[in-house]
Amino acid sequence: MHEAGIARSIAGALRGRQLDGRRVVLHVHGGDHDPDAFEASLRFHLQLEAPELAAVALELVRDPAPRLCVRCGARFSAARPDQPCPECGGASLSLEEHEQVEIELVG
């Protein structure tokens, strides 16, 4: 799973930073994986990759990403892959194949 590679990149970006008292917000967008399963797997791999981050307040936020309805072809943005098309209620596909993660340090 690609969560291991994402966790490795996050750990590398955060290693050596002064994180005392700061929150780390991971903005996730794209992909068609179950959001809860992705988050659990990412947290698991982060714990393996950087156990020192366990003390950091880590928050995952799903940001809207471009999607395409498989029924009517409408383009729209949705935070979760299970959100239906606002035009017809059909299922959608992500226009970003894999989840992308941006790191925000707060505080």
N, C-alpha and C. Protein backbone atom coordinates (compact mmCIF):
# COMPACT_ATOMS: atom_id res chain seq x y z
N MET A 1 0.84 -1.19 0.00
CA MET A 1 0.00 0.00 0.00
C MET A 1 0.88 1.24 0.00
N HIS A 2 0.39 2.28 -0.61
CA HIS A 2 1.17 3.50 -0.73
C HIS A 2 1.21 4.32 0.55
N GLU A 3 0.42 3.95 1.56
CA GLU A 3 0.44 4.67 2.83
C GLU A 3 1.81 4.61 3.48
N ALA A 4 2.53 3.51 3.30
CA ALA A 4 3.87 3.38 3.89
C ALA A 4 4.81 4.43 3.30
N GLY A 5 4.75 4.63 2.01
CA GLY A 5 5.59 5.64 1.36
C GLY A 5 5.21 7.04 1.78
N ILE A 6 3.92 7.31 1.92
CA ILE A 6 3.46 8.62 2.37
C ILE A 6 3.94 8.85 3.81
N ALA A 7 3.81 7.85 4.67
CA ALA A 7 4.26 7.96 6.06
C ALA A 7 5.75 8.24 6.12
N ARG A 8 6.53 7.58 5.28
CA ARG A 8 7.98 7.80 5.24
C ARG A 8 8.29 9.24 4.85
N SER A 9 7.57 9.77 3.89
CA SER A 9 7.79 11.16 3.46
C SER A 9 7.41 12.15 4.56
N ILE A 10 6.27 11.90 5.23
CA ILE A 10 5.83 12.78 6.31
C ILE A 10 6.85 12.76 7.45
N ALA A 11 7.29 11.56 7.84
CA ALA A 11 8.27 11.44 8.92
C ALA A 11 9.55 12.18 8.57
N GLY A 12 9.99 12.05 7.33
CA GLY A 12 11.20 12.75 6.90
C GLY A 12 11.04 14.27 6.94
N ALA A 13 9.86 14.74 6.57
CA ALA A 13 9.61 16.19 6.56
C ALA A 13 9.51 16.75 7.98
N LEU A 14 9.05 15.94 8.93
CA LEU A 14 8.84 16.43 10.29
C LEU A 14 10.02 16.16 11.23
N ARG A 15 10.87 15.23 10.84
CA ARG A 15 12.00 14.87 11.70
C ARG A 15 12.91 16.07 11.91
N GLY A 16 13.27 16.31 13.17
CA GLY A 16 14.18 17.41 13.48
C GLY A 16 13.51 18.76 13.64
N ARG A 17 12.23 18.85 13.39
CA ARG A 17 11.50 20.12 13.57
C ARG A 17 11.11 20.28 15.02
N GLN A 18 11.01 21.51 15.47
CA GLN A 18 10.54 21.81 16.82
C GLN A 18 9.02 21.72 16.81
N LEU A 19 8.47 20.62 17.29
CA LEU A 19 7.03 20.39 17.25
C LEU A 19 6.37 20.51 18.62
N ASP A 20 7.15 20.83 19.64
CA ASP A 20 6.59 20.94 20.99
C ASP A 20 5.43 21.92 21.02
N GLY A 21 4.27 21.44 21.45
CA GLY A 21 3.09 22.29 21.56
C GLY A 21 2.43 22.65 20.24
N ARG A 22 2.91 22.10 19.15
CA ARG A 22 2.32 22.39 17.84
C ARG A 22 1.45 21.23 17.40
N ARG A 23 0.44 21.58 16.64
CA ARG A 23 -0.40 20.56 16.01
C ARG A 23 0.09 20.35 14.59
N VAL A 24 -0.01 19.13 14.12
CA VAL A 24 0.31 18.81 12.74
C VAL A 24 -1.00 18.41 12.07
N VAL A 25 -1.36 19.16 11.04
CA VAL A 25 -2.57 18.86 10.29
C VAL A 25 -2.14 18.29 8.94
N LEU A 26 -2.62 17.11 8.63
CA LEU A 26 -2.34 16.48 7.33
C LEU A 26 -3.58 16.64 6.47
N HIS A 27 -3.46 17.43 5.42
CA HIS A 27 -4.57 17.66 4.49
C HIS A 27 -4.48 16.59 3.40
N VAL A 28 -5.48 15.74 3.34
CA VAL A 28 -5.51 14.63 2.39
C VAL A 28 -6.56 14.92 1.33
N HIS A 29 -6.20 14.69 0.06
CA HIS A 29 -7.18 14.81 -1.01
C HIS A 29 -6.85 13.82 -2.12
N GLY A 30 -7.89 13.46 -2.84
CA GLY A 30 -7.72 12.53 -3.96
C GLY A 30 -7.86 11.08 -3.53
N GLY A 31 -7.72 10.20 -4.50
CA GLY A 31 -7.79 8.77 -4.26
C GLY A 31 -9.21 8.24 -4.15
N ASP A 32 -9.34 6.94 -4.31
CA ASP A 32 -10.65 6.28 -4.23
C ASP A 32 -10.69 5.24 -3.11
N HIS A 33 -9.71 5.27 -2.22
CA HIS A 33 -9.69 4.30 -1.11
C HIS A 33 -10.66 4.74 -0.02
N ASP A 34 -11.11 3.78 0.77
CA ASP A 34 -11.96 4.08 1.90
C ASP A 34 -11.20 5.03 2.83
N PRO A 35 -11.76 6.22 3.10
CA PRO A 35 -11.04 7.22 3.91
C PRO A 35 -10.66 6.73 5.30
N ASP A 36 -11.53 5.98 5.95
CA ASP A 36 -11.23 5.48 7.29
C ASP A 36 -10.10 4.45 7.27
N ALA A 37 -10.12 3.57 6.28
CA ALA A 37 -9.07 2.57 6.15
C ALA A 37 -7.74 3.23 5.80
N PHE A 38 -7.78 4.24 4.93
CA PHE A 38 -6.56 4.97 4.56
C PHE A 38 -5.97 5.64 5.80
N GLU A 39 -6.81 6.32 6.59
CA GLU A 39 -6.32 7.02 7.78
C GLU A 39 -5.71 6.04 8.78
N ALA A 40 -6.39 4.93 9.01
CA ALA A 40 -5.87 3.93 9.95
C ALA A 40 -4.52 3.39 9.48
N SER A 41 -4.42 3.09 8.20
CA SER A 41 -3.17 2.57 7.66
C SER A 41 -2.06 3.61 7.72
N LEU A 42 -2.38 4.86 7.41
CA LEU A 42 -1.38 5.93 7.46
C LEU A 42 -0.88 6.12 8.89
N ARG A 43 -1.80 6.15 9.85
CA ARG A 43 -1.39 6.30 11.26
C ARG A 43 -0.52 5.12 11.70
N PHE A 44 -0.88 3.91 11.28
CA PHE A 44 -0.09 2.72 11.61
C PHE A 44 1.34 2.86 11.07
N HIS A 45 1.46 3.23 9.80
CA HIS A 45 2.78 3.35 9.19
C HIS A 45 3.57 4.52 9.77
N LEU A 46 2.89 5.60 10.15
CA LEU A 46 3.58 6.71 10.81
C LEU A 46 4.15 6.26 12.15
N GLN A 47 3.40 5.46 12.89
CA GLN A 47 3.88 4.95 14.17
C GLN A 47 5.13 4.09 13.98
N LEU A 48 5.14 3.27 12.94
CA LEU A 48 6.30 2.43 12.65
C LEU A 48 7.49 3.27 12.20
N GLU A 49 7.22 4.23 11.35
CA GLU A 49 8.27 5.05 10.74
C GLU A 49 8.86 6.07 11.71
N ALA A 50 8.00 6.67 12.55
CA ALA A 50 8.44 7.74 13.44
C ALA A 50 7.70 7.67 14.77
N PRO A 51 8.06 6.75 15.64
CA PRO A 51 7.36 6.61 16.91
C PRO A 51 7.39 7.89 17.74
N GLU A 52 8.39 8.74 17.51
CA GLU A 52 8.48 10.00 18.26
C GLU A 52 7.32 10.95 17.95
N LEU A 53 6.62 10.71 16.86
CA LEU A 53 5.47 11.56 16.51
C LEU A 53 4.21 11.19 17.29
N ALA A 54 4.27 10.11 18.06
CA ALA A 54 3.09 9.69 18.84
C ALA A 54 2.66 10.77 19.82
N ALA A 55 3.61 11.59 20.29
CA ALA A 55 3.29 12.64 21.27
C ALA A 55 2.78 13.91 20.59
N VAL A 56 2.85 13.97 19.29
CA VAL A 56 2.41 15.16 18.54
C VAL A 56 0.92 15.07 18.27
N ALA A 57 0.23 16.20 18.43
CA ALA A 57 -1.21 16.26 18.09
C ALA A 57 -1.33 16.21 16.57
N LEU A 58 -1.74 15.07 16.06
CA LEU A 58 -1.81 14.83 14.62
C LEU A 58 -3.27 14.75 14.18
N GLU A 59 -3.64 15.57 13.23
CA GLU A 59 -5.02 15.61 12.74
C GLU A 59 -5.02 15.38 11.23
N LEU A 60 -5.91 14.51 10.77
CA LEU A 60 -6.08 14.31 9.33
C LEU A 60 -7.38 14.96 8.89
N VAL A 61 -7.30 15.76 7.84
CA VAL A 61 -8.46 16.48 7.30
C VAL A 61 -8.60 16.10 5.84
N ARG A 62 -9.79 15.72 5.45
CA ARG A 62 -10.06 15.42 4.04
C ARG A 62 -10.49 16.69 3.34
N ASP A 63 -9.70 17.14 2.39
CA ASP A 63 -10.03 18.32 1.60
C ASP A 63 -10.71 17.90 0.31
N PRO A 64 -11.59 18.75 -0.22
CA PRO A 64 -12.24 18.42 -1.50
C PRO A 64 -11.22 18.24 -2.62
N ALA A 65 -11.51 17.31 -3.48
CA ALA A 65 -10.67 17.02 -4.64
C ALA A 65 -11.56 16.83 -5.86
N PRO A 66 -11.01 17.04 -7.05
CA PRO A 66 -11.82 16.89 -8.26
C PRO A 66 -12.24 15.44 -8.49
N ARG A 67 -13.51 15.27 -8.87
CA ARG A 67 -14.08 13.95 -9.10
C ARG A 67 -14.89 13.99 -10.40
N LEU A 68 -15.15 12.82 -10.95
CA LEU A 68 -15.91 12.68 -12.18
C LEU A 68 -17.01 11.65 -11.96
N CYS A 69 -18.25 12.03 -12.25
CA CYS A 69 -19.38 11.12 -12.09
C CYS A 69 -19.33 10.05 -13.18
N VAL A 70 -19.47 8.79 -12.78
CA VAL A 70 -19.43 7.69 -13.75
C VAL A 70 -20.77 7.54 -14.48
N ARG A 71 -21.83 8.13 -13.96
CA ARG A 71 -23.14 8.03 -14.58
C ARG A 71 -23.37 9.14 -15.61
N CYS A 72 -23.20 10.41 -15.18
CA CYS A 72 -23.55 11.52 -16.08
C CYS A 72 -22.35 12.29 -16.60
N GLY A 73 -21.15 11.99 -16.09
CA GLY A 73 -19.94 12.64 -16.57
C GLY A 73 -19.68 14.01 -15.97
N ALA A 74 -20.48 14.43 -15.00
CA ALA A 74 -20.28 15.74 -14.38
C ALA A 74 -18.98 15.76 -13.58
N ARG A 75 -18.33 16.91 -13.61
CA ARG A 75 -17.14 17.12 -12.78
C ARG A 75 -17.56 17.90 -11.56
N PHE A 76 -17.06 17.48 -10.40
CA PHE A 76 -17.38 18.18 -9.16
C PHE A 76 -16.27 17.92 -8.15
N SER A 77 -16.32 18.60 -7.03
CA SER A 77 -15.34 18.40 -5.96
C SER A 77 -16.04 17.74 -4.77
N ALA A 78 -15.34 16.83 -4.14
CA ALA A 78 -15.87 16.16 -2.95
C ALA A 78 -14.70 15.77 -2.05
N ALA A 79 -14.95 15.82 -0.76
CA ALA A 79 -13.90 15.48 0.20
C ALA A 79 -13.73 13.97 0.34
N ARG A 80 -14.82 13.22 0.17
CA ARG A 80 -14.77 11.77 0.36
C ARG A 80 -15.14 11.06 -0.95
N PRO A 81 -14.54 9.91 -1.21
CA PRO A 81 -14.85 9.20 -2.45
C PRO A 81 -16.25 8.62 -2.48
N ASP A 82 -16.92 8.51 -1.33
CA ASP A 82 -18.26 7.95 -1.31
C ASP A 82 -19.35 9.03 -1.43
N GLN A 83 -18.95 10.29 -1.63
CA GLN A 83 -19.95 11.34 -1.83
C GLN A 83 -20.52 11.22 -3.24
N PRO A 84 -21.85 11.19 -3.38
CA PRO A 84 -22.46 11.03 -4.70
C PRO A 84 -22.38 12.32 -5.52
N CYS A 85 -22.58 12.16 -6.79
CA CYS A 85 -22.62 13.29 -7.72
C CYS A 85 -23.77 14.23 -7.34
N PRO A 86 -23.52 15.53 -7.26
CA PRO A 86 -24.59 16.46 -6.91
C PRO A 86 -25.62 16.63 -8.02
N GLU A 87 -25.29 16.23 -9.25
CA GLU A 87 -26.20 16.37 -10.38
C GLU A 87 -27.19 15.21 -10.47
N CYS A 88 -26.67 13.98 -10.36
CA CYS A 88 -27.54 12.81 -10.59
C CYS A 88 -27.51 11.79 -9.46
N GLY A 89 -26.62 11.95 -8.49
CA GLY A 89 -26.53 11.00 -7.38
C GLY A 89 -25.67 9.79 -7.68
N GLY A 90 -25.03 9.78 -8.85
CA GLY A 90 -24.20 8.64 -9.23
C GLY A 90 -22.88 8.58 -8.48
N ALA A 91 -22.22 7.44 -8.60
CA ALA A 91 -20.89 7.25 -7.99
C ALA A 91 -19.86 8.05 -8.78
N SER A 92 -18.71 8.27 -8.16
CA SER A 92 -17.69 9.07 -8.83
C SER A 92 -16.32 8.41 -8.75
N LEU A 93 -15.44 8.91 -9.59
CA LEU A 93 -14.04 8.49 -9.59
C LEU A 93 -13.18 9.72 -9.34
N SER A 94 -12.10 9.51 -8.61
CA SER A 94 -11.17 10.60 -8.35
C SER A 94 -10.38 10.92 -9.61
N LEU A 95 -10.16 12.19 -9.84
CA LEU A 95 -9.29 12.58 -10.95
C LEU A 95 -7.83 12.60 -10.52
N GLU A 96 -7.59 12.35 -9.23
CA GLU A 96 -6.25 12.18 -8.67
C GLU A 96 -6.17 10.74 -8.19
N GLU A 97 -5.41 9.91 -8.89
CA GLU A 97 -5.43 8.46 -8.65
C GLU A 97 -5.12 8.06 -7.21
N HIS A 98 -4.10 8.67 -6.62
CA HIS A 98 -3.72 8.33 -5.26
C HIS A 98 -3.92 9.53 -4.34
N GLU A 99 -4.03 9.25 -3.06
CA GLU A 99 -4.16 10.32 -2.09
C GLU A 99 -2.90 11.20 -2.10
N GLN A 100 -3.11 12.47 -1.98
CA GLN A 100 -2.02 13.45 -1.85
C GLN A 100 -2.13 14.02 -0.44
N VAL A 101 -1.00 14.29 0.20
CA VAL A 101 -1.00 14.80 1.56
C VAL A 101 -0.15 16.06 1.63
N GLU A 102 -0.71 17.11 2.22
CA GLU A 102 0.04 18.34 2.49
C GLU A 102 0.12 18.50 4.00
N ILE A 103 1.26 18.96 4.48
CA ILE A 103 1.50 19.12 5.92
C ILE A 103 1.34 20.58 6.31
N GLU A 104 0.57 20.80 7.37
CA GLU A 104 0.40 22.14 7.94
C GLU A 104 0.78 22.07 9.41
N LEU A 105 1.70 22.96 9.82
CA LEU A 105 2.08 23.06 11.22
C LEU A 105 1.32 24.21 11.83
N VAL A 106 0.60 23.96 12.93
CA VAL A 106 -0.25 24.95 13.56
C VAL A 106 0.26 25.23 14.97
N GLY A 107 0.32 26.51 15.31
CA GLY A 107 0.72 26.91 16.67
C GLY A 107 2.14 27.25 16.84
